[in-house]
Amino acid sequence: MELNRHAERELDKLSDAVLQRIVERLRALGENPFPRGSKKLRGGHGYRLRVGDDRVLHEVFKLDRRIVVYAVGHRPDVYR
């Protein structure tokens, strides 16, 4: 799994409790790239994973067997 710079900066801004929940979900995402509740985004560019009121936006590259997280944040802000 990879985090782009934007996602890393967003993770640094989160509180410890929220960060811990998101890190747990990211670890699980590494084992199962399409967990229950994961939804494909409109436009075909990636998936969203819901973690409480926060969202993790990521792309899954099946051939390379890798996941790239490109955005992490609160629900209304992460889609901008």
PDB file of N, CA and C in Angstrom:
ATOM      1  N   MET A   1       0.852  -1.167   0.000  1.00  0.00           N
ATOM      2  CA  MET A   1       0.000   0.000   0.000  1.00  0.00           C
ATOM      3  C   MET A   1       0.895   1.226   0.000  1.00  0.00           C
ATOM      4  N   GLU A   2       0.455   2.238  -0.734  1.00  0.00           N
ATOM      5  CA  GLU A   2       1.196   3.492  -0.828  1.00  0.00           C
ATOM      6  C   GLU A   2       0.293   4.651  -0.432  1.00  0.00           C
ATOM      7  N   LEU A   3       0.890   5.656   0.162  1.00  0.00           N
ATOM      8  CA  LEU A   3       0.192   6.904   0.469  1.00  0.00           C
ATOM      9  C   LEU A   3       0.852   7.995  -0.347  1.00  0.00           C
ATOM     10  N   ASN A   4       0.060   8.787  -1.073  1.00  0.00           N
ATOM     11  CA  ASN A   4       0.690   9.901  -1.755  1.00  0.00           C
ATOM     12  C   ASN A   4       0.906  11.039  -0.765  1.00  0.00           C
ATOM     13  N   ARG A   5       1.646  12.043  -1.152  1.00  0.00           N
ATOM     14  CA  ARG A   5       2.009  13.124  -0.231  1.00  0.00           C
ATOM     15  C   ARG A   5       0.789  13.841   0.348  1.00  0.00           C
ATOM     16  N   HIS A   6      -0.196  14.041  -0.478  1.00  0.00           N
ATOM     17  CA  HIS A   6      -1.407  14.728  -0.024  1.00  0.00           C
ATOM     18  C   HIS A   6      -2.061  13.938   1.119  1.00  0.00           C
ATOM     19  N   ALA A   7      -2.172  12.628   0.955  1.00  0.00           N
ATOM     20  CA  ALA A   7      -2.779  11.781   1.987  1.00  0.00           C
ATOM     21  C   ALA A   7      -1.924  11.777   3.258  1.00  0.00           C
ATOM     22  N   GLU A   8      -0.602  11.756   3.110  1.00  0.00           N
ATOM     23  CA  GLU A   8       0.275  11.790   4.284  1.00  0.00           C
ATOM     24  C   GLU A   8       0.084  13.071   5.080  1.00  0.00           C
ATOM     25  N   ARG A   9      -0.008  14.210   4.392  1.00  0.00           N
ATOM     26  CA  ARG A   9      -0.222  15.493   5.071  1.00  0.00           C
ATOM     27  C   ARG A   9      -1.564  15.520   5.794  1.00  0.00           C
ATOM     28  N   GLU A  10      -2.582  14.951   5.160  1.00  0.00           N
ATOM     29  CA  GLU A  10      -3.898  14.921   5.791  1.00  0.00           C
ATOM     30  C   GLU A  10      -3.898  14.033   7.033  1.00  0.00           C
ATOM     31  N   LEU A  11      -3.172  12.934   6.987  1.00  0.00           N
ATOM     32  CA  LEU A  11      -3.086  12.055   8.163  1.00  0.00           C
ATOM     33  C   LEU A  11      -2.387  12.761   9.322  1.00  0.00           C
ATOM     34  N   ASP A  12      -1.390  13.573   9.016  1.00  0.00           N
ATOM     35  CA  ASP A  12      -0.670  14.301  10.064  1.00  0.00           C
ATOM     36  C   ASP A  12      -1.564  15.287  10.804  1.00  0.00           C
ATOM     37  N   LYS A  13      -2.617  15.758  10.172  1.00  0.00           N
ATOM     38  CA  LYS A  13      -3.518  16.753  10.766  1.00  0.00           C
ATOM     39  C   LYS A  13      -4.574  16.140  11.687  1.00  0.00           C
ATOM     40  N   LEU A  14      -4.757  14.824  11.623  1.00  0.00           N
ATOM     41  CA  LEU A  14      -5.837  14.175  12.365  1.00  0.00           C
ATOM     42  C   LEU A  14      -5.496  13.998  13.837  1.00  0.00           C
ATOM     43  N   SER A  15      -6.530  13.932  14.657  1.00  0.00           N
ATOM     44  CA  SER A  15      -6.330  13.656  16.087  1.00  0.00           C
ATOM     45  C   SER A  15      -5.872  12.204  16.249  1.00  0.00           C
ATOM     46  N   ASP A  16      -5.306  11.900  17.395  1.00  0.00           N
ATOM     47  CA  ASP A  16      -4.766  10.559  17.633  1.00  0.00           C
ATOM     48  C   ASP A  16      -5.831   9.476  17.549  1.00  0.00           C
ATOM     49  N   ALA A  17      -7.014   9.750  18.092  1.00  0.00           N
ATOM     50  CA  ALA A  17      -8.080   8.748  18.091  1.00  0.00           C
ATOM     51  C   ALA A  17      -8.538   8.439  16.665  1.00  0.00           C
ATOM     52  N   VAL A  18      -8.731   9.473  15.867  1.00  0.00           N
ATOM     53  CA  VAL A  18      -9.173   9.278  14.478  1.00  0.00           C
ATOM     54  C   VAL A  18      -8.068   8.612  13.672  1.00  0.00           C
ATOM     55  N   LEU A  19      -6.840   9.047  13.890  1.00  0.00           N
ATOM     56  CA  LEU A  19      -5.703   8.467  13.184  1.00  0.00           C
ATOM     57  C   LEU A  19      -5.589   6.975  13.464  1.00  0.00           C
ATOM     58  N   GLN A  20      -5.777   6.578  14.703  1.00  0.00           N
ATOM     59  CA  GLN A  20      -5.690   5.168  15.069  1.00  0.00           C
ATOM     60  C   GLN A  20      -6.755   4.344  14.353  1.00  0.00           C
ATOM     61  N   ARG A  21      -7.987   4.852  14.288  1.00  0.00           N
ATOM     62  CA  ARG A  21      -9.059   4.131  13.590  1.00  0.00           C
ATOM     63  C   ARG A  21      -8.745   3.994  12.101  1.00  0.00           C
ATOM     64  N   ILE A  22      -8.231   5.070  11.506  1.00  0.00           N
ATOM     65  CA  ILE A  22      -7.940   5.035  10.075  1.00  0.00           C
ATOM     66  C   ILE A  22      -6.779   4.093   9.780  1.00  0.00           C
ATOM     67  N   VAL A  23      -5.760   4.105  10.613  1.00  0.00           N
ATOM     68  CA  VAL A  23      -4.618   3.205  10.410  1.00  0.00           C
ATOM     69  C   VAL A  23      -5.065   1.750  10.491  1.00  0.00           C
ATOM     70  N   GLU A  24      -5.949   1.433  11.415  1.00  0.00           N
ATOM     71  CA  GLU A  24      -6.480   0.070  11.508  1.00  0.00           C
ATOM     72  C   GLU A  24      -7.188  -0.328  10.221  1.00  0.00           C
ATOM     73  N   ARG A  25      -7.987   0.578   9.689  1.00  0.00           N
ATOM     74  CA  ARG A  25      -8.711   0.277   8.438  1.00  0.00           C
ATOM     75  C   ARG A  25      -7.759   0.177   7.254  1.00  0.00           C
ATOM     76  N   LEU A  26      -6.681   0.981   7.257  1.00  0.00           N
ATOM     77  CA  LEU A  26      -5.711   0.902   6.172  1.00  0.00           C
ATOM     78  C   LEU A  26      -4.972  -0.439   6.202  1.00  0.00           C
ATOM     79  N   ARG A  27      -4.666  -0.921   7.386  1.00  0.00           N
ATOM     80  CA  ARG A  27      -4.026  -2.240   7.491  1.00  0.00           C
ATOM     81  C   ARG A  27      -4.950  -3.334   6.956  1.00  0.00           C
ATOM     82  N   ALA A  28      -6.210  -3.251   7.307  1.00  0.00           N
ATOM     83  CA  ALA A  28      -7.188  -4.223   6.806  1.00  0.00           C
ATOM     84  C   ALA A  28      -7.350  -4.090   5.300  1.00  0.00           C
ATOM     85  N   LEU A  29      -7.246  -2.868   4.802  1.00  0.00           N
ATOM     86  CA  LEU A  29      -7.369  -2.620   3.364  1.00  0.00           C
ATOM     87  C   LEU A  29      -6.237  -3.307   2.611  1.00  0.00           C
ATOM     88  N   GLY A  30      -5.064  -3.382   3.232  1.00  0.00           N
ATOM     89  CA  GLY A  30      -3.942  -4.072   2.608  1.00  0.00           C
ATOM     90  C   GLY A  30      -4.203  -5.554   2.415  1.00  0.00           C
ATOM     91  N   GLU A  31      -4.989  -6.146   3.297  1.00  0.00           N
ATOM     92  CA  GLU A  31      -5.326  -7.558   3.195  1.00  0.00           C
ATOM     93  C   GLU A  31      -6.502  -7.803   2.261  1.00  0.00           C
ATOM     94  N   ASN A  32      -7.453  -6.885   2.253  1.00  0.00           N
ATOM     95  CA  ASN A  32      -8.637  -7.010   1.415  1.00  0.00           C
ATOM     96  C   ASN A  32      -8.917  -5.663   0.763  1.00  0.00           C
ATOM     97  N   PRO A  33      -8.536  -5.469  -0.499  1.00  0.00           N
ATOM     98  CA  PRO A  33      -8.692  -4.164  -1.137  1.00  0.00           C
ATOM     99  C   PRO A  33     -10.143  -3.748  -1.392  1.00  0.00           C
ATOM    100  N   PHE A  34     -11.077  -4.674  -1.252  1.00  0.00           N
ATOM    101  CA  PHE A  34     -12.488  -4.359  -1.458  1.00  0.00           C
ATOM    102  C   PHE A  34     -13.298  -4.796  -0.236  1.00  0.00           C
ATOM    103  N   PRO A  35     -13.084  -4.153   0.919  1.00  0.00           N
ATOM    104  CA  PRO A  35     -13.806  -4.572   2.122  1.00  0.00           C
ATOM    105  C   PRO A  35     -15.286  -4.223   2.028  1.00  0.00           C
ATOM    106  N   ARG A  36     -16.045  -4.834   2.888  1.00  0.00           N
ATOM    107  CA  ARG A  36     -17.471  -4.549   2.946  1.00  0.00           C
ATOM    108  C   ARG A  36     -17.657  -3.061   3.245  1.00  0.00           C
ATOM    109  N   GLY A  37     -18.518  -2.420   2.499  1.00  0.00           N
ATOM    110  CA  GLY A  37     -18.777  -0.998   2.684  1.00  0.00           C
ATOM    111  C   GLY A  37     -17.953  -0.110   1.777  1.00  0.00           C
ATOM    112  N   SER A  38     -16.986  -0.667   1.083  1.00  0.00           N
ATOM    113  CA  SER A  38     -16.191   0.104   0.135  1.00  0.00           C
ATOM    114  C   SER A  38     -17.049   0.349  -1.104  1.00  0.00           C
ATOM    115  N   LYS A  39     -17.014   1.566  -1.606  1.00  0.00           N
ATOM    116  CA  LYS A  39     -17.841   1.892  -2.770  1.00  0.00           C
ATOM    117  C   LYS A  39     -16.998   2.517  -3.860  1.00  0.00           C
ATOM    118  N   LYS A  40     -17.348   2.186  -5.090  1.00  0.00           N
ATOM    119  CA  LYS A  40     -16.670   2.763  -6.246  1.00  0.00           C
ATOM    120  C   LYS A  40     -17.151   4.198  -6.416  1.00  0.00           C
ATOM    121  N   LEU A  41     -16.210   5.099  -6.678  1.00  0.00           N
ATOM    122  CA  LEU A  41     -16.566   6.500  -6.876  1.00  0.00           C
ATOM    123  C   LEU A  41     -17.104   6.716  -8.276  1.00  0.00           C
ATOM    124  N   ARG A  42     -17.974   7.697  -8.422  1.00  0.00           N
ATOM    125  CA  ARG A  42     -18.480   8.041  -9.740  1.00  0.00           C
ATOM    126  C   ARG A  42     -17.328   8.531 -10.596  1.00  0.00           C
ATOM    127  N   GLY A  43     -17.364   8.218 -11.862  1.00  0.00           N
ATOM    128  CA  GLY A  43     -16.287   8.609 -12.752  1.00  0.00           C
ATOM    129  C   GLY A  43     -15.241   7.516 -12.898  1.00  0.00           C
ATOM    130  N   GLY A  44     -15.354   6.467 -12.088  1.00  0.00           N
ATOM    131  CA  GLY A  44     -14.472   5.327 -12.227  1.00  0.00           C
ATOM    132  C   GLY A  44     -13.069   5.505 -11.692  1.00  0.00           C
ATOM    133  N   HIS A  45     -12.826   6.546 -10.906  1.00  0.00           N
ATOM    134  CA  HIS A  45     -11.473   6.779 -10.397  1.00  0.00           C
ATOM    135  C   HIS A  45     -11.385   6.467  -8.919  1.00  0.00           C
ATOM    136  N   GLY A  46     -11.279   5.213  -8.590  1.00  0.00           N
ATOM    137  CA  GLY A  46     -11.025   4.820  -7.223  1.00  0.00           C
ATOM    138  C   GLY A  46     -12.251   4.399  -6.436  1.00  0.00           C
ATOM    139  N   TYR A  47     -11.981   4.206  -5.139  1.00  0.00           N
ATOM    140  CA  TYR A  47     -12.979   3.734  -4.203  1.00  0.00           C
ATOM    141  C   TYR A  47     -12.931   4.590  -2.950  1.00  0.00           C
ATOM    142  N   ARG A  48     -14.008   4.551  -2.202  1.00  0.00           N
ATOM    143  CA  ARG A  48     -14.026   5.257  -0.920  1.00  0.00           C
ATOM    144  C   ARG A  48     -14.296   4.251   0.176  1.00  0.00           C
ATOM    145  N   LEU A  49     -13.585   4.477   1.271  1.00  0.00           N
ATOM    146  CA  LEU A  49     -13.747   3.651   2.445  1.00  0.00           C
ATOM    147  C   LEU A  49     -14.205   4.557   3.566  1.00  0.00           C
ATOM    148  N   ARG A  50     -15.292   4.214   4.195  1.00  0.00           N
ATOM    149  CA  ARG A  50     -15.865   5.029   5.257  1.00  0.00           C
ATOM    150  C   ARG A  50     -15.293   4.609   6.604  1.00  0.00           C
ATOM    151  N   VAL A  51     -14.807   5.602   7.366  1.00  0.00           N
ATOM    152  CA  VAL A  51     -14.301   5.366   8.714  1.00  0.00           C
ATOM    153  C   VAL A  51     -14.962   6.416   9.601  1.00  0.00           C
ATOM    154  N   GLY A  52     -16.136   6.097  10.116  1.00  0.00           N
ATOM    155  CA  GLY A  52     -16.911   7.073  10.881  1.00  0.00           C
ATOM    156  C   GLY A  52     -17.329   8.219   9.973  1.00  0.00           C
ATOM    157  N   ASP A  53     -17.015   9.452  10.377  1.00  0.00           N
ATOM    158  CA  ASP A  53     -17.325  10.624   9.545  1.00  0.00           C
ATOM    159  C   ASP A  53     -16.201  10.939   8.570  1.00  0.00           C
ATOM    160  N   ASP A  54     -15.145  10.154   8.586  1.00  0.00           N
ATOM    161  CA  ASP A  54     -14.011  10.385   7.698  1.00  0.00           C
ATOM    162  C   ASP A  54     -14.049   9.412   6.531  1.00  0.00           C
ATOM    163  N   ARG A  55     -13.323   9.776   5.471  1.00  0.00           N
ATOM    164  CA  ARG A  55     -13.274   8.949   4.272  1.00  0.00           C
ATOM    165  C   ARG A  55     -11.827   8.738   3.856  1.00  0.00           C
ATOM    166  N   VAL A  56     -11.555   7.561   3.309  1.00  0.00           N
ATOM    167  CA  VAL A  56     -10.261   7.238   2.724  1.00  0.00           C
ATOM    168  C   VAL A  56     -10.524   6.949   1.253  1.00  0.00           C
ATOM    169  N   LEU A  57      -9.948   7.751   0.368  1.00  0.00           N
ATOM    170  CA  LEU A  57     -10.113   7.554  -1.062  1.00  0.00           C
ATOM    171  C   LEU A  57      -8.868   6.861  -1.586  1.00  0.00           C
ATOM    172  N   HIS A  58      -9.078   5.797  -2.352  1.00  0.00           N
ATOM    173  CA  HIS A  58      -7.945   5.011  -2.825  1.00  0.00           C
ATOM    174  C   HIS A  58      -8.234   4.390  -4.184  1.00  0.00           C
ATOM    175  N   GLU A  59      -7.163   4.015  -4.856  1.00  0.00           N
ATOM    176  CA  GLU A  59      -7.266   3.294  -6.117  1.00  0.00           C
ATOM    177  C   GLU A  59      -6.651   1.928  -5.933  1.00  0.00           C
ATOM    178  N   VAL A  60      -7.209   0.948  -6.621  1.00  0.00           N
ATOM    179  CA  VAL A  60      -6.706  -0.418  -6.553  1.00  0.00           C
ATOM    180  C   VAL A  60      -6.200  -0.790  -7.942  1.00  0.00           C
ATOM    181  N   PHE A  61      -4.939  -1.170  -7.996  1.00  0.00           N
ATOM    182  CA  PHE A  61      -4.319  -1.611  -9.243  1.00  0.00           C
ATOM    183  C   PHE A  61      -4.146  -3.125  -9.145  1.00  0.00           C
ATOM    184  N   LYS A  62      -5.081  -3.855  -9.746  1.00  0.00           N
ATOM    185  CA  LYS A  62      -5.115  -5.304  -9.596  1.00  0.00           C
ATOM    186  C   LYS A  62      -3.895  -5.984 -10.211  1.00  0.00           C
ATOM    187  N   LEU A  63      -3.476  -5.534 -11.374  1.00  0.00           N
ATOM    188  CA  LEU A  63      -2.347  -6.179 -12.033  1.00  0.00           C
ATOM    189  C   LEU A  63      -1.051  -6.009 -11.251  1.00  0.00           C
ATOM    190  N   ASP A  64      -0.856  -4.830 -10.673  1.00  0.00           N
ATOM    191  CA  ASP A  64       0.352  -4.563  -9.885  1.00  0.00           C
ATOM    192  C   ASP A  64       0.209  -5.027  -8.440  1.00  0.00           C
ATOM    193  N   ARG A  65      -1.010  -5.381  -8.066  1.00  0.00           N
ATOM    194  CA  ARG A  65      -1.330  -5.791  -6.688  1.00  0.00           C
ATOM    195  C   ARG A  65      -0.916  -4.718  -5.691  1.00  0.00           C
ATOM    196  N   ARG A  66      -1.354  -3.486  -5.969  1.00  0.00           N
ATOM    197  CA  ARG A  66      -1.031  -2.399  -5.051  1.00  0.00           C
ATOM    198  C   ARG A  66      -2.243  -1.493  -4.877  1.00  0.00           C
ATOM    199  N   ILE A  67      -2.222  -0.785  -3.760  1.00  0.00           N
ATOM    200  CA  ILE A  67      -3.280   0.151  -3.407  1.00  0.00           C
ATOM    201  C   ILE A  67      -2.624   1.499  -3.167  1.00  0.00           C
ATOM    202  N   VAL A  68      -3.184   2.543  -3.761  1.00  0.00           N
ATOM    203  CA  VAL A  68      -2.654   3.893  -3.570  1.00  0.00           C
ATOM    204  C   VAL A  68      -3.734   4.734  -2.905  1.00  0.00           C
ATOM    205  N   VAL A  69      -3.444   5.214  -1.704  1.00  0.00           N
ATOM    206  CA  VAL A  69      -4.357   6.094  -0.979  1.00  0.00           C
ATOM    207  C   VAL A  69      -4.013   7.519  -1.389  1.00  0.00           C
ATOM    208  N   TYR A  70      -5.008   8.241  -1.927  1.00  0.00           N
ATOM    209  CA  TYR A  70      -4.721   9.589  -2.403  1.00  0.00           C
ATOM    210  C   TYR A  70      -5.433  10.683  -1.628  1.00  0.00           C
ATOM    211  N   ALA A  71      -6.336  10.356  -0.736  1.00  0.00           N
ATOM    212  CA  ALA A  71      -6.999  11.382   0.078  1.00  0.00           C
ATOM    213  C   ALA A  71      -7.561  10.760   1.346  1.00  0.00           C
ATOM    214  N   VAL A  72      -7.434  11.499   2.428  1.00  0.00           N
ATOM    215  CA  VAL A  72      -7.985  11.102   3.715  1.00  0.00           C
ATOM    216  C   VAL A  72      -8.539  12.356   4.348  1.00  0.00           C
ATOM    217  N   GLY A  73      -9.768  12.291   4.846  1.00  0.00           N
ATOM    218  CA  GLY A  73     -10.300  13.478   5.495  1.00  0.00           C
ATOM    219  C   GLY A  73     -11.746  13.351   5.892  1.00  0.00           C
ATOM    220  N   HIS A  74     -12.239  14.436   6.460  1.00  0.00           N
ATOM    221  CA  HIS A  74     -13.623  14.501   6.911  1.00  0.00           C
ATOM    222  C   HIS A  74     -14.553  14.472   5.706  1.00  0.00           C
ATOM    223  N   ARG A  75     -15.702  13.910   5.869  1.00  0.00           N
ATOM    224  CA  ARG A  75     -16.638  13.646   4.774  1.00  0.00           C
ATOM    225  C   ARG A  75     -16.862  14.803   3.810  1.00  0.00           C
ATOM    226  N   PRO A  76     -17.235  16.004   4.243  1.00  0.00           N
ATOM    227  CA  PRO A  76     -17.522  17.024   3.234  1.00  0.00           C
ATOM    228  C   PRO A  76     -16.269  17.583   2.550  1.00  0.00           C
ATOM    229  N   ASP A  77     -15.112  17.452   3.191  1.00  0.00           N
ATOM    230  CA  ASP A  77     -13.906  18.069   2.663  1.00  0.00           C
ATOM    231  C   ASP A  77     -13.110  17.172   1.731  1.00  0.00           C
ATOM    232  N   VAL A  78     -13.201  15.877   1.882  1.00  0.00           N
ATOM    233  CA  VAL A  78     -12.326  14.966   1.166  1.00  0.00           C
ATOM    234  C   VAL A  78     -12.636  14.892  -0.335  1.00  0.00           C
ATOM    235  N   TYR A  79     -13.835  15.209  -0.738  1.00  0.00           N
ATOM    236  CA  TYR A  79     -14.211  15.097  -2.155  1.00  0.00           C
ATOM    237  C   TYR A  79     -13.856  16.331  -2.964  1.00  0.00           C
ATOM    238  N   ARG A  80     -13.320  17.353  -2.339  1.00  0.00           N
ATOM    239  CA  ARG A  80     -12.975  18.578  -3.070  1.00  0.00           C
ATOM    240  C   ARG A  80     -11.664  18.461  -3.755  1.00  0.00           C
TER     241      ARG A  80
END
